[in-house]
Amino acid sequence: MQLIPKVCRSRSRHIKAFLLVALFALIPSISYAWSGEVVHVADGDTITVLKGGERVKVQLYGIDCPEGAQSFGENAKAFTSSQVNGKVVEIQEMDIDRYKRIVALVSVGNLNINRHLIEYGYAWVFLRYCKASFCSEWTEVEAQARKTKKGLWKNPKAIPPWEYRRLEKGKDR
């Protein structure tokens, strides 16, 4: 004797199948995370990480540090280096940029380096690209760093790196 009609069992199977397909459809959108040792720090927001013996360039997601020739550019690089160089970091991939670098959140233990750079005044939140839900919190962290004049915020005329690059590009003409 069947207590559940065939129609209900069939509908139940369809719902389970739909949920399974939906789950697999979401998997590619879940960020891919991996660990590796930092072997080079190019600047405040670009590092090279060993992944299975391969050197992989990683751009830190959602931030922009001063360029090397800018005020605090070398300080940002030194700060990043002190936090990650020679250490094993976790890379949470967010995107691939036009230069084929992995754009990622970088962590050492529980410390998010991207946010840490903002907190200590060595990076701007790059709102043009920072679209994740936590970016609004990072903007508040940046405002606090500005208020307390940490890092580059000691300079009241600090120029964002994207403006600096645009001005430098214009000089080549």
Protein backbone atom coordinates (compact mmCIF):
# COMPACT_ATOMS: atom_id res chain seq x y z
CA MET A 1 0.00 0.00 0.00
CA GLN A 2 1.42 3.36 -1.06
CA LEU A 3 0.81 6.29 1.24
CA ILE A 4 2.35 8.89 -1.08
CA PRO A 5 0.78 9.21 -4.52
CA LYS A 6 3.06 8.76 -7.56
CA VAL A 7 2.56 12.41 -8.56
CA CYS A 8 3.98 13.64 -5.22
CA ARG A 9 6.98 11.29 -5.42
CA SER A 10 7.65 12.41 -8.98
CA ARG A 11 7.36 16.09 -8.00
CA SER A 12 9.68 15.48 -5.06
CA ARG A 13 12.30 13.94 -7.38
CA HIS A 14 12.02 16.91 -9.72
CA ILE A 15 12.51 19.36 -6.85
CA LYS A 16 15.55 17.42 -5.59
CA ALA A 17 17.00 17.31 -9.11
CA PHE A 18 16.40 21.04 -9.55
CA LEU A 19 18.10 21.82 -6.23
CA LEU A 20 21.08 19.66 -7.15
CA VAL A 21 21.44 21.37 -10.55
CA ALA A 22 21.10 24.80 -8.88
CA LEU A 23 23.82 23.91 -6.40
CA PHE A 24 26.22 22.86 -9.17
CA ALA A 25 25.37 26.01 -11.12
CA LEU A 26 26.47 28.11 -8.14
CA ILE A 27 29.79 26.35 -7.60
CA PRO A 28 31.70 28.28 -10.31
CA SER A 29 30.66 31.57 -8.68
CA ILE A 30 32.04 30.51 -5.31
CA SER A 31 35.47 32.06 -4.83
CA TYR A 32 38.36 29.70 -5.29
CA ALA A 33 40.86 29.72 -2.41
CA TRP A 34 44.38 28.33 -2.23
CA SER A 35 47.55 28.84 -0.20
CA GLY A 36 51.11 29.62 -1.19
CA GLU A 37 54.30 31.31 -0.07
CA VAL A 38 54.88 34.95 -1.03
CA VAL A 39 58.20 35.11 -2.89
CA HIS A 40 58.12 38.72 -4.12
CA VAL A 41 56.42 42.01 -3.31
CA ALA A 42 56.37 44.26 -6.40
CA ASP A 43 54.56 47.14 -4.73
CA GLY A 44 51.96 47.77 -2.04
CA ASP A 45 49.19 45.92 -3.84
CA THR A 46 50.97 43.39 -6.07
CA ILE A 47 52.67 40.23 -4.85
CA THR A 48 54.00 36.99 -6.33
CA VAL A 49 52.95 33.73 -4.70
CA LEU A 50 54.24 30.20 -5.26
CA LYS A 51 51.37 27.91 -6.21
CA GLY A 52 52.48 24.35 -6.77
CA GLY A 53 55.96 25.49 -7.83
CA GLU A 54 54.59 28.13 -10.23
CA ARG A 55 55.06 31.85 -9.58
CA VAL A 56 51.66 33.57 -9.74
CA LYS A 57 51.16 37.35 -9.76
CA VAL A 58 48.39 38.49 -7.44
CA GLN A 59 46.79 41.94 -7.38
CA LEU A 60 45.09 42.73 -4.07
CA TYR A 61 41.34 43.11 -4.60
CA GLY A 62 39.51 46.37 -4.03
CA ILE A 63 42.46 48.57 -3.10
CA ASP A 64 45.00 50.80 -4.79
CA CYS A 65 48.30 51.70 -3.13
CA PRO A 66 50.43 54.70 -4.07
CA GLU A 67 52.79 54.10 -7.00
CA GLY A 68 56.48 53.68 -6.18
CA ALA A 69 57.37 57.23 -7.25
CA GLN A 70 54.45 58.69 -5.29
CA SER A 71 54.61 59.87 -1.71
CA PHE A 72 54.19 56.80 0.51
CA GLY A 73 54.60 54.39 -2.43
CA GLU A 74 57.76 52.84 -0.99
CA ASN A 75 56.18 52.86 2.50
CA ALA A 76 53.19 50.90 1.19
CA LYS A 77 55.51 48.36 -0.44
CA ALA A 78 57.56 48.02 2.78
CA PHE A 79 54.38 47.59 4.84
CA THR A 80 53.03 44.88 2.53
CA SER A 81 56.41 43.17 2.52
CA SER A 82 56.54 43.17 6.33
CA GLN A 83 53.13 41.53 6.43
CA VAL A 84 53.47 38.84 3.76
CA ASN A 85 56.97 38.36 2.31
CA GLY A 86 58.20 34.82 2.93
CA LYS A 87 54.92 33.86 4.60
CA VAL A 88 52.24 31.42 3.53
CA VAL A 89 49.13 33.35 2.56
CA GLU A 90 45.62 32.32 1.61
CA ILE A 91 44.46 33.62 -1.75
CA GLN A 92 40.73 34.00 -2.30
CA GLU A 93 40.37 34.65 -6.00
CA MET A 94 37.86 37.31 -6.96
CA ASP A 95 38.74 38.03 -10.60
CA ILE A 96 41.45 38.10 -13.29
CA ASP A 97 42.56 41.56 -14.44
CA ARG A 98 43.48 42.73 -17.93
CA TYR A 99 47.15 41.91 -17.22
CA LYS A 100 46.17 38.28 -16.46
CA ARG A 101 46.93 38.68 -12.75
CA ILE A 102 44.74 37.01 -10.18
CA VAL A 103 42.80 39.66 -8.26
CA ALA A 104 42.28 38.37 -4.74
CA LEU A 105 41.72 38.83 -1.08
CA VAL A 106 44.98 37.93 0.65
CA SER A 107 45.10 36.69 4.23
CA VAL A 108 47.77 35.67 6.69
CA GLY A 109 45.95 33.63 9.31
CA ASN A 110 42.84 35.64 10.18
CA LEU A 111 44.34 38.94 9.00
CA ASN A 112 42.95 40.29 5.71
CA ILE A 113 45.91 42.15 4.19
CA ASN A 114 43.76 44.19 1.78
CA ARG A 115 41.78 45.71 4.66
CA HIS A 116 44.92 45.99 6.81
CA LEU A 117 46.58 48.24 4.19
CA ILE A 118 43.55 50.54 4.26
CA GLU A 119 43.43 50.57 8.05
CA TYR A 120 47.08 51.67 8.32
CA GLY A 121 46.75 54.32 5.62
CA TYR A 122 48.70 52.65 2.82
CA ALA A 123 45.84 52.15 0.37
CA TRP A 124 42.68 53.69 -0.97
CA VAL A 125 39.53 51.66 -1.41
CA PHE A 126 39.37 51.39 -5.20
CA LEU A 127 35.62 51.95 -5.52
CA ARG A 128 35.71 51.57 -9.30
CA TYR A 129 36.50 47.88 -8.77
CA CYS A 130 35.57 47.16 -5.15
CA LYS A 131 32.00 45.91 -5.55
CA ALA A 132 31.72 43.25 -2.81
CA SER A 133 29.45 43.83 0.17
CA PHE A 134 32.39 44.47 2.53
CA CYS A 135 33.66 47.40 0.42
CA SER A 136 31.34 49.82 2.24
CA GLU A 137 32.92 48.74 5.55
CA TRP A 138 36.36 49.26 4.01
CA THR A 139 35.31 52.81 3.06
CA GLU A 140 34.57 53.47 6.74
CA VAL A 141 37.99 52.04 7.67
CA GLU A 142 39.59 54.41 5.15
CA ALA A 143 37.67 57.37 6.60
CA GLN A 144 38.98 56.50 10.07
CA ALA A 145 42.57 56.27 8.76
CA ARG A 146 42.13 59.70 7.13
CA LYS A 147 40.70 61.16 10.33
CA THR A 148 43.62 59.88 12.42
CA LYS A 149 46.16 60.80 9.70
CA LYS A 150 47.66 57.33 9.39
CA GLY A 151 50.18 56.56 6.68
CA LEU A 152 49.61 58.50 3.47
CA TRP A 153 46.87 60.53 5.14
CA LYS A 154 49.62 62.54 6.85
CA ASN A 155 49.82 64.28 3.48
CA PRO A 156 46.68 66.44 3.08
CA LYS A 157 47.31 66.62 -0.69
CA ALA A 158 47.61 62.87 -1.28
CA ILE A 159 46.75 62.03 -4.88
CA PRO A 160 44.97 58.73 -5.56
CA PRO A 161 47.14 56.43 -7.68
CA TRP A 162 44.58 56.22 -10.50
CA GLU A 163 44.80 60.03 -10.86
CA TYR A 164 48.59 59.94 -10.57
CA ARG A 165 48.79 57.33 -13.36
CA ARG A 166 46.48 59.41 -15.56
CA LEU A 167 48.63 62.53 -15.00
CA GLU A 168 51.85 60.60 -15.69
CA LYS A 169 50.38 59.11 -18.87
CA GLY A 170 49.49 62.64 -20.05
CA LYS A 171 53.13 63.74 -19.64
CA ASP A 172 54.22 61.19 -22.27
CA ARG A 173 52.40 63.05 -25.02
